[in-house]
Amino acid sequence: MKTFFVQIKCDLGKAYEVASELADAEIASEIYSTAGQYDLLAKFYVDDDEDIGHFVNQRVQIIPGIKDTFTMVTFRAF
């Protein structure tokens, strides 16, 4: 399994709706609200043979209310 995080910038006033849509889609293992440049931080797992870029484009960025994303690929957990 590959682990990665996506920071999500939402349209104004849409952070709770986006978080709810992510939760309902059951694609993120954890979703946090954050302060600063981005509104949400979501943790994802995909199979080793799945492409992270395609996953983000086809499963995350299609959610209404998402304005921008920043994906962080992880290499090792300590």
PDB file of N, CA and C in Angstrom:
ATOM      1  N   MET A   1       0.836  -1.181   0.000  1.00  0.00           N
ATOM      2  CA  MET A   1       0.000   0.000   0.000  1.00  0.00           C
ATOM      3  C   MET A   1       0.885   1.249   0.000  1.00  0.00           C
ATOM      4  N   LYS A   2       0.449   2.247  -0.734  1.00  0.00           N
ATOM      5  CA  LYS A   2       1.120   3.544  -0.730  1.00  0.00           C
ATOM      6  C   LYS A   2       0.271   4.510   0.085  1.00  0.00           C
ATOM      7  N   THR A   3       0.936   5.332   0.883  1.00  0.00           N
ATOM      8  CA  THR A   3       0.266   6.337   1.704  1.00  0.00           C
ATOM      9  C   THR A   3       0.612   7.711   1.168  1.00  0.00           C
ATOM     10  N   PHE A   4      -0.382   8.581   1.098  1.00  0.00           N
ATOM     11  CA  PHE A   4      -0.129   9.966   0.706  1.00  0.00           C
ATOM     12  C   PHE A   4      -1.176  10.872   1.338  1.00  0.00           C
ATOM     13  N   PHE A   5      -0.837  12.137   1.399  1.00  0.00           N
ATOM     14  CA  PHE A   5      -1.712  13.154   1.972  1.00  0.00           C
ATOM     15  C   PHE A   5      -2.055  14.178   0.900  1.00  0.00           C
ATOM     16  N   VAL A   6      -3.262  14.728   0.988  1.00  0.00           N
ATOM     17  CA  VAL A   6      -3.666  15.793   0.079  1.00  0.00           C
ATOM     18  C   VAL A   6      -4.184  16.959   0.910  1.00  0.00           C
ATOM     19  N   GLN A   7      -3.550  18.118   0.712  1.00  0.00           N
ATOM     20  CA  GLN A   7      -4.073  19.348   1.294  1.00  0.00           C
ATOM     21  C   GLN A   7      -5.091  19.888   0.304  1.00  0.00           C
ATOM     22  N   ILE A   8      -6.217  20.337   0.813  1.00  0.00           N
ATOM     23  CA  ILE A   8      -7.330  20.755  -0.044  1.00  0.00           C
ATOM     24  C   ILE A   8      -7.741  22.180   0.293  1.00  0.00           C
ATOM     25  N   LYS A   9      -7.749  23.012  -0.742  1.00  0.00           N
ATOM     26  CA  LYS A   9      -8.267  24.373  -0.617  1.00  0.00           C
ATOM     27  C   LYS A   9      -9.684  24.363  -1.172  1.00  0.00           C
ATOM     28  N   CYS A  10     -10.621  24.850  -0.371  1.00  0.00           N
ATOM     29  CA  CYS A  10     -12.034  24.807  -0.754  1.00  0.00           C
ATOM     30  C   CYS A  10     -12.532  26.185  -1.167  1.00  0.00           C
ATOM     31  N   ASP A  11     -13.612  26.184  -1.930  1.00  0.00           N
ATOM     32  CA  ASP A  11     -14.302  27.443  -2.189  1.00  0.00           C
ATOM     33  C   ASP A  11     -14.760  28.005  -0.854  1.00  0.00           C
ATOM     34  N   LEU A  12     -14.871  29.318  -0.767  1.00  0.00           N
ATOM     35  CA  LEU A  12     -15.277  29.949   0.487  1.00  0.00           C
ATOM     36  C   LEU A  12     -16.585  29.365   1.000  1.00  0.00           C
ATOM     37  N   GLY A  13     -16.598  28.992   2.261  1.00  0.00           N
ATOM     38  CA  GLY A  13     -17.796  28.468   2.902  1.00  0.00           C
ATOM     39  C   GLY A  13     -18.123  27.027   2.568  1.00  0.00           C
ATOM     40  N   LYS A  14     -17.225  26.297   1.898  1.00  0.00           N
ATOM     41  CA  LYS A  14     -17.532  24.938   1.440  1.00  0.00           C
ATOM     42  C   LYS A  14     -16.712  23.845   2.131  1.00  0.00           C
ATOM     43  N   ALA A  15     -15.856  24.195   3.086  1.00  0.00           N
ATOM     44  CA  ALA A  15     -14.969  23.203   3.699  1.00  0.00           C
ATOM     45  C   ALA A  15     -15.738  22.047   4.348  1.00  0.00           C
ATOM     46  N   TYR A  16     -16.810  22.346   5.070  1.00  0.00           N
ATOM     47  CA  TYR A  16     -17.559  21.285   5.735  1.00  0.00           C
ATOM     48  C   TYR A  16     -18.286  20.402   4.725  1.00  0.00           C
ATOM     49  N   GLU A  17     -18.769  20.998   3.645  1.00  0.00           N
ATOM     50  CA  GLU A  17     -19.430  20.208   2.602  1.00  0.00           C
ATOM     51  C   GLU A  17     -18.432  19.292   1.900  1.00  0.00           C
ATOM     52  N   VAL A  18     -17.240  19.819   1.607  1.00  0.00           N
ATOM     53  CA  VAL A  18     -16.209  19.007   0.959  1.00  0.00           C
ATOM     54  C   VAL A  18     -15.785  17.866   1.884  1.00  0.00           C
ATOM     55  N   ALA A  19     -15.573  18.157   3.148  1.00  0.00           N
ATOM     56  CA  ALA A  19     -15.188  17.120   4.109  1.00  0.00           C
ATOM     57  C   ALA A  19     -16.265  16.039   4.189  1.00  0.00           C
ATOM     58  N   SER A  20     -17.513  16.437   4.182  1.00  0.00           N
ATOM     59  CA  SER A  20     -18.615  15.485   4.234  1.00  0.00           C
ATOM     60  C   SER A  20     -18.647  14.609   2.982  1.00  0.00           C
ATOM     61  N   GLU A  21     -18.430  15.217   1.816  1.00  0.00           N
ATOM     62  CA  GLU A  21     -18.403  14.452   0.560  1.00  0.00           C
ATOM     63  C   GLU A  21     -17.254  13.442   0.567  1.00  0.00           C
ATOM     64  N   LEU A  22     -16.081  13.875   1.040  1.00  0.00           N
ATOM     65  CA  LEU A  22     -14.945  12.967   1.139  1.00  0.00           C
ATOM     66  C   LEU A  22     -15.263  11.792   2.064  1.00  0.00           C
ATOM     67  N   ALA A  23     -15.860  12.088   3.202  1.00  0.00           N
ATOM     68  CA  ALA A  23     -16.220  11.041   4.156  1.00  0.00           C
ATOM     69  C   ALA A  23     -17.251  10.087   3.553  1.00  0.00           C
ATOM     70  N   ASP A  24     -18.252  10.632   2.881  1.00  0.00           N
ATOM     71  CA  ASP A  24     -19.291   9.802   2.265  1.00  0.00           C
ATOM     72  C   ASP A  24     -18.728   8.910   1.159  1.00  0.00           C
ATOM     73  N   ALA A  25     -17.721   9.401   0.435  1.00  0.00           N
ATOM     74  CA  ALA A  25     -17.116   8.622  -0.650  1.00  0.00           C
ATOM     75  C   ALA A  25     -16.263   7.475  -0.119  1.00  0.00           C
ATOM     76  N   GLU A  26     -15.904   7.528   1.164  1.00  0.00           N
ATOM     77  CA  GLU A  26     -15.102   6.499   1.824  1.00  0.00           C
ATOM     78  C   GLU A  26     -13.799   6.216   1.085  1.00  0.00           C
ATOM     79  N   ILE A  27     -13.120   7.284   0.641  1.00  0.00           N
ATOM     80  CA  ILE A  27     -11.844   7.135  -0.055  1.00  0.00           C
ATOM     81  C   ILE A  27     -10.676   7.623   0.800  1.00  0.00           C
ATOM     82  N   ALA A  28     -10.951   8.415   1.827  1.00  0.00           N
ATOM     83  CA  ALA A  28      -9.902   8.930   2.713  1.00  0.00           C
ATOM     84  C   ALA A  28      -9.953   8.179   4.030  1.00  0.00           C
ATOM     85  N   SER A  29      -8.770   7.870   4.571  1.00  0.00           N
ATOM     86  CA  SER A  29      -8.764   7.182   5.859  1.00  0.00           C
ATOM     87  C   SER A  29      -8.941   8.154   7.013  1.00  0.00           C
ATOM     88  N   GLU A  30      -8.472   9.395   6.828  1.00  0.00           N
ATOM     89  CA  GLU A  30      -8.614  10.439   7.848  1.00  0.00           C
ATOM     90  C   GLU A  30      -8.778  11.782   7.148  1.00  0.00           C
ATOM     91  N   ILE A  31      -9.582  12.655   7.744  1.00  0.00           N
ATOM     92  CA  ILE A  31      -9.817  13.995   7.199  1.00  0.00           C
ATOM     93  C   ILE A  31      -9.750  14.977   8.355  1.00  0.00           C
ATOM     94  N   TYR A  32      -8.933  16.016   8.201  1.00  0.00           N
ATOM     95  CA  TYR A  32      -8.770  17.033   9.242  1.00  0.00           C
ATOM     96  C   TYR A  32      -9.043  18.411   8.670  1.00  0.00           C
ATOM     97  N   SER A  33      -9.642  19.274   9.468  1.00  0.00           N
ATOM     98  CA  SER A  33      -9.708  20.689   9.097  1.00  0.00           C
ATOM     99  C   SER A  33      -8.392  21.315   9.546  1.00  0.00           C
ATOM    100  N   THR A  34      -7.911  22.279   8.776  1.00  0.00           N
ATOM    101  CA  THR A  34      -6.641  22.919   9.079  1.00  0.00           C
ATOM    102  C   THR A  34      -6.774  24.432   8.948  1.00  0.00           C
ATOM    103  N   ALA A  35      -5.844  25.132   9.568  1.00  0.00           N
ATOM    104  CA  ALA A  35      -5.777  26.585   9.444  1.00  0.00           C
ATOM    105  C   ALA A  35      -4.603  26.918   8.541  1.00  0.00           C
ATOM    106  N   GLY A  36      -4.722  27.990   7.799  1.00  0.00           N
ATOM    107  CA  GLY A  36      -3.629  28.403   6.937  1.00  0.00           C
ATOM    108  C   GLY A  36      -4.033  28.420   5.482  1.00  0.00           C
ATOM    109  N   GLN A  37      -3.085  28.085   4.627  1.00  0.00           N
ATOM    110  CA  GLN A  37      -3.285  28.187   3.188  1.00  0.00           C
ATOM    111  C   GLN A  37      -4.323  27.195   2.653  1.00  0.00           C
ATOM    112  N   TYR A  38      -4.439  26.031   3.312  1.00  0.00           N
ATOM    113  CA  TYR A  38      -5.394  25.015   2.895  1.00  0.00           C
ATOM    114  C   TYR A  38      -6.423  24.800   3.999  1.00  0.00           C
ATOM    115  N   ASP A  39      -7.581  24.292   3.620  1.00  0.00           N
ATOM    116  CA  ASP A  39      -8.696  24.128   4.555  1.00  0.00           C
ATOM    117  C   ASP A  39      -8.792  22.728   5.151  1.00  0.00           C
ATOM    118  N   LEU A  40      -8.369  21.727   4.388  1.00  0.00           N
ATOM    119  CA  LEU A  40      -8.487  20.334   4.820  1.00  0.00           C
ATOM    120  C   LEU A  40      -7.197  19.580   4.530  1.00  0.00           C
ATOM    121  N   LEU A  41      -6.958  18.544   5.318  1.00  0.00           N
ATOM    122  CA  LEU A  41      -5.859  17.617   5.092  1.00  0.00           C
ATOM    123  C   LEU A  41      -6.458  16.223   5.137  1.00  0.00           C
ATOM    124  N   ALA A  42      -6.263  15.459   4.074  1.00  0.00           N
ATOM    125  CA  ALA A  42      -6.813  14.109   4.010  1.00  0.00           C
ATOM    126  C   ALA A  42      -5.697  13.098   3.780  1.00  0.00           C
ATOM    127  N   LYS A  43      -5.815  11.955   4.448  1.00  0.00           N
ATOM    128  CA  LYS A  43      -4.847  10.876   4.318  1.00  0.00           C
ATOM    129  C   LYS A  43      -5.477   9.766   3.482  1.00  0.00           C
ATOM    130  N   PHE A  44      -4.715   9.271   2.524  1.00  0.00           N
ATOM    131  CA  PHE A  44      -5.206   8.245   1.605  1.00  0.00           C
ATOM    132  C   PHE A  44      -4.239   7.069   1.539  1.00  0.00           C
ATOM    133  N   TYR A  45      -4.783   5.911   1.234  1.00  0.00           N
ATOM    134  CA  TYR A  45      -4.002   4.715   0.934  1.00  0.00           C
ATOM    135  C   TYR A  45      -4.476   4.190  -0.416  1.00  0.00           C
ATOM    136  N   VAL A  46      -3.535   3.801  -1.263  1.00  0.00           N
ATOM    137  CA  VAL A  46      -3.881   3.141  -2.525  1.00  0.00           C
ATOM    138  C   VAL A  46      -2.984   1.920  -2.673  1.00  0.00           C
ATOM    139  N   ASP A  47      -3.417   0.961  -3.469  1.00  0.00           N
ATOM    140  CA  ASP A  47      -2.604  -0.220  -3.751  1.00  0.00           C
ATOM    141  C   ASP A  47      -1.322   0.192  -4.453  1.00  0.00           C
ATOM    142  N   ASP A  48      -0.298  -0.607  -4.311  1.00  0.00           N
ATOM    143  CA  ASP A  48       1.007  -0.291  -4.894  1.00  0.00           C
ATOM    144  C   ASP A  48       0.948  -0.085  -6.403  1.00  0.00           C
ATOM    145  N   ASP A  49       0.047  -0.774  -7.072  1.00  0.00           N
ATOM    146  CA  ASP A  49      -0.029  -0.655  -8.533  1.00  0.00           C
ATOM    147  C   ASP A  49      -0.940   0.487  -9.001  1.00  0.00           C
ATOM    148  N   GLU A  50      -1.560   1.208  -8.068  1.00  0.00           N
ATOM    149  CA  GLU A  50      -2.451   2.309  -8.442  1.00  0.00           C
ATOM    150  C   GLU A  50      -1.666   3.616  -8.542  1.00  0.00           C
ATOM    151  N   ASP A  51      -1.970   4.404  -9.556  1.00  0.00           N
ATOM    152  CA  ASP A  51      -1.299   5.676  -9.794  1.00  0.00           C
ATOM    153  C   ASP A  51      -1.926   6.767  -8.927  1.00  0.00           C
ATOM    154  N   ILE A  52      -1.114   7.409  -8.108  1.00  0.00           N
ATOM    155  CA  ILE A  52      -1.608   8.436  -7.192  1.00  0.00           C
ATOM    156  C   ILE A  52      -2.180   9.626  -7.958  1.00  0.00           C
ATOM    157  N   GLY A  53      -1.512  10.049  -9.012  1.00  0.00           N
ATOM    158  CA  GLY A  53      -1.990  11.182  -9.801  1.00  0.00           C
ATOM    159  C   GLY A  53      -3.373  10.956 -10.377  1.00  0.00           C
ATOM    160  N   HIS A  54      -3.572   9.770 -10.944  1.00  0.00           N
ATOM    161  CA  HIS A  54      -4.894   9.461 -11.479  1.00  0.00           C
ATOM    162  C   HIS A  54      -5.937   9.396 -10.371  1.00  0.00           C
ATOM    163  N   PHE A  55      -5.566   8.803  -9.229  1.00  0.00           N
ATOM    164  CA  PHE A  55      -6.490   8.718  -8.100  1.00  0.00           C
ATOM    165  C   PHE A  55      -6.947  10.110  -7.675  1.00  0.00           C
ATOM    166  N   VAL A  56      -5.996  11.030  -7.500  1.00  0.00           N
ATOM    167  CA  VAL A  56      -6.344  12.389  -7.062  1.00  0.00           C
ATOM    168  C   VAL A  56      -7.210  13.082  -8.111  1.00  0.00           C
ATOM    169  N   ASN A  57      -6.830  12.956  -9.375  1.00  0.00           N
ATOM    170  CA  ASN A  57      -7.601  13.604 -10.444  1.00  0.00           C
ATOM    171  C   ASN A  57      -9.010  13.041 -10.580  1.00  0.00           C
ATOM    172  N   GLN A  58      -9.140  11.729 -10.482  1.00  0.00           N
ATOM    173  CA  GLN A  58     -10.415  11.084 -10.771  1.00  0.00           C
ATOM    174  C   GLN A  58     -11.310  10.852  -9.571  1.00  0.00           C
ATOM    175  N   ARG A  59     -10.729  10.862  -8.351  1.00  0.00           N
ATOM    176  CA  ARG A  59     -11.541  10.562  -7.175  1.00  0.00           C
ATOM    177  C   ARG A  59     -11.664  11.724  -6.198  1.00  0.00           C
ATOM    178  N   VAL A  60     -10.648  12.585  -6.147  1.00  0.00           N
ATOM    179  CA  VAL A  60     -10.646  13.677  -5.172  1.00  0.00           C
ATOM    180  C   VAL A  60     -11.054  15.005  -5.819  1.00  0.00           C
ATOM    181  N   GLN A  61     -10.358  15.387  -6.870  1.00  0.00           N
ATOM    182  CA  GLN A  61     -10.583  16.712  -7.459  1.00  0.00           C
ATOM    183  C   GLN A  61     -11.947  16.880  -8.102  1.00  0.00           C
ATOM    184  N   ILE A  62     -12.682  15.816  -8.278  1.00  0.00           N
ATOM    185  CA  ILE A  62     -14.025  15.914  -8.866  1.00  0.00           C
ATOM    186  C   ILE A  62     -15.083  16.341  -7.848  1.00  0.00           C
ATOM    187  N   ILE A  63     -14.719  16.365  -6.577  1.00  0.00           N
ATOM    188  CA  ILE A  63     -15.684  16.723  -5.538  1.00  0.00           C
ATOM    189  C   ILE A  63     -16.009  18.210  -5.631  1.00  0.00           C
ATOM    190  N   PRO A  64     -17.294  18.543  -5.720  1.00  0.00           N
ATOM    191  CA  PRO A  64     -17.677  19.959  -5.821  1.00  0.00           C
ATOM    192  C   PRO A  64     -17.197  20.758  -4.609  1.00  0.00           C
ATOM    193  N   GLY A  65     -16.708  21.960  -4.867  1.00  0.00           N
ATOM    194  CA  GLY A  65     -16.263  22.837  -3.789  1.00  0.00           C
ATOM    195  C   GLY A  65     -14.759  22.826  -3.590  1.00  0.00           C
ATOM    196  N   ILE A  66     -14.055  21.918  -4.265  1.00  0.00           N
ATOM    197  CA  ILE A  66     -12.598  21.904  -4.170  1.00  0.00           C
ATOM    198  C   ILE A  66     -12.030  22.896  -5.177  1.00  0.00           C
ATOM    199  N   LYS A  67     -11.206  23.792  -4.669  1.00  0.00           N
ATOM    200  CA  LYS A  67     -10.613  24.838  -5.497  1.00  0.00           C
ATOM    201  C   LYS A  67      -9.199  24.474  -5.941  1.00  0.00           C
ATOM    202  N   ASP A  68      -8.428  23.809  -5.058  1.00  0.00           N
ATOM    203  CA  ASP A  68      -7.040  23.481  -5.346  1.00  0.00           C
ATOM    204  C   ASP A  68      -6.608  22.338  -4.429  1.00  0.00           C
ATOM    205  N   THR A  69      -5.599  21.578  -4.865  1.00  0.00           N
ATOM    206  CA  THR A  69      -5.049  20.516  -4.027  1.00  0.00           C
ATOM    207  C   THR A  69      -3.530  20.555  -4.082  1.00  0.00           C
ATOM    208  N   PHE A  70      -2.928  20.002  -3.048  1.00  0.00           N
ATOM    209  CA  PHE A  70      -1.465  19.845  -2.978  1.00  0.00           C
ATOM    210  C   PHE A  70      -1.205  18.458  -2.428  1.00  0.00           C
ATOM    211  N   THR A  71      -0.619  17.579  -3.251  1.00  0.00           N
ATOM    212  CA  THR A  71      -0.408  16.194  -2.863  1.00  0.00           C
ATOM    213  C   THR A  71       0.999  15.978  -2.335  1.00  0.00           C
ATOM    214  N   MET A  72       1.093  15.298  -1.193  1.00  0.00           N
ATOM    215  CA  MET A  72       2.385  14.934  -0.602  1.00  0.00           C
ATOM    216  C   MET A  72       2.495  13.421  -0.576  1.00  0.00           C
ATOM    217  N   VAL A  73       3.434  12.899  -1.320  1.00  0.00           N
ATOM    218  CA  VAL A  73       3.680  11.460  -1.361  1.00  0.00           C
ATOM    219  C   VAL A  73       4.638  11.132  -0.220  1.00  0.00           C
ATOM    220  N   THR A  74       4.344  10.071   0.509  1.00  0.00           N
ATOM    221  CA  THR A  74       5.203   9.681   1.625  1.00  0.00           C
ATOM    222  C   THR A  74       6.024   8.455   1.235  1.00  0.00           C
ATOM    223  N   PHE A  75       7.161   8.306   1.905  1.00  0.00           N
ATOM    224  CA  PHE A  75       8.058   7.205   1.588  1.00  0.00           C
ATOM    225  C   PHE A  75       8.205   6.199   2.711  1.00  0.00           C
ATOM    226  N   ARG A  76       8.150   6.671   3.937  1.00  0.00           N
ATOM    227  CA  ARG A  76       8.380   5.784   5.071  1.00  0.00           C
ATOM    228  C   ARG A  76       7.707   6.333   6.315  1.00  0.00           C
ATOM    229  N   ALA A  77       7.134   5.450   7.105  1.00  0.00           N
ATOM    230  CA  ALA A  77       6.540   5.841   8.381  1.00  0.00           C
ATOM    231  C   ALA A  77       7.506   5.477   9.503  1.00  0.00           C
ATOM    232  N   PHE A  78       7.614   6.319  10.503  1.00  0.00           N
ATOM    233  CA  PHE A  78       8.511   6.066  11.632  1.00  0.00           C
ATOM    234  C   PHE A  78       7.719   5.873  12.909  1.00  0.00           C
TER     235      PHE A  78
END
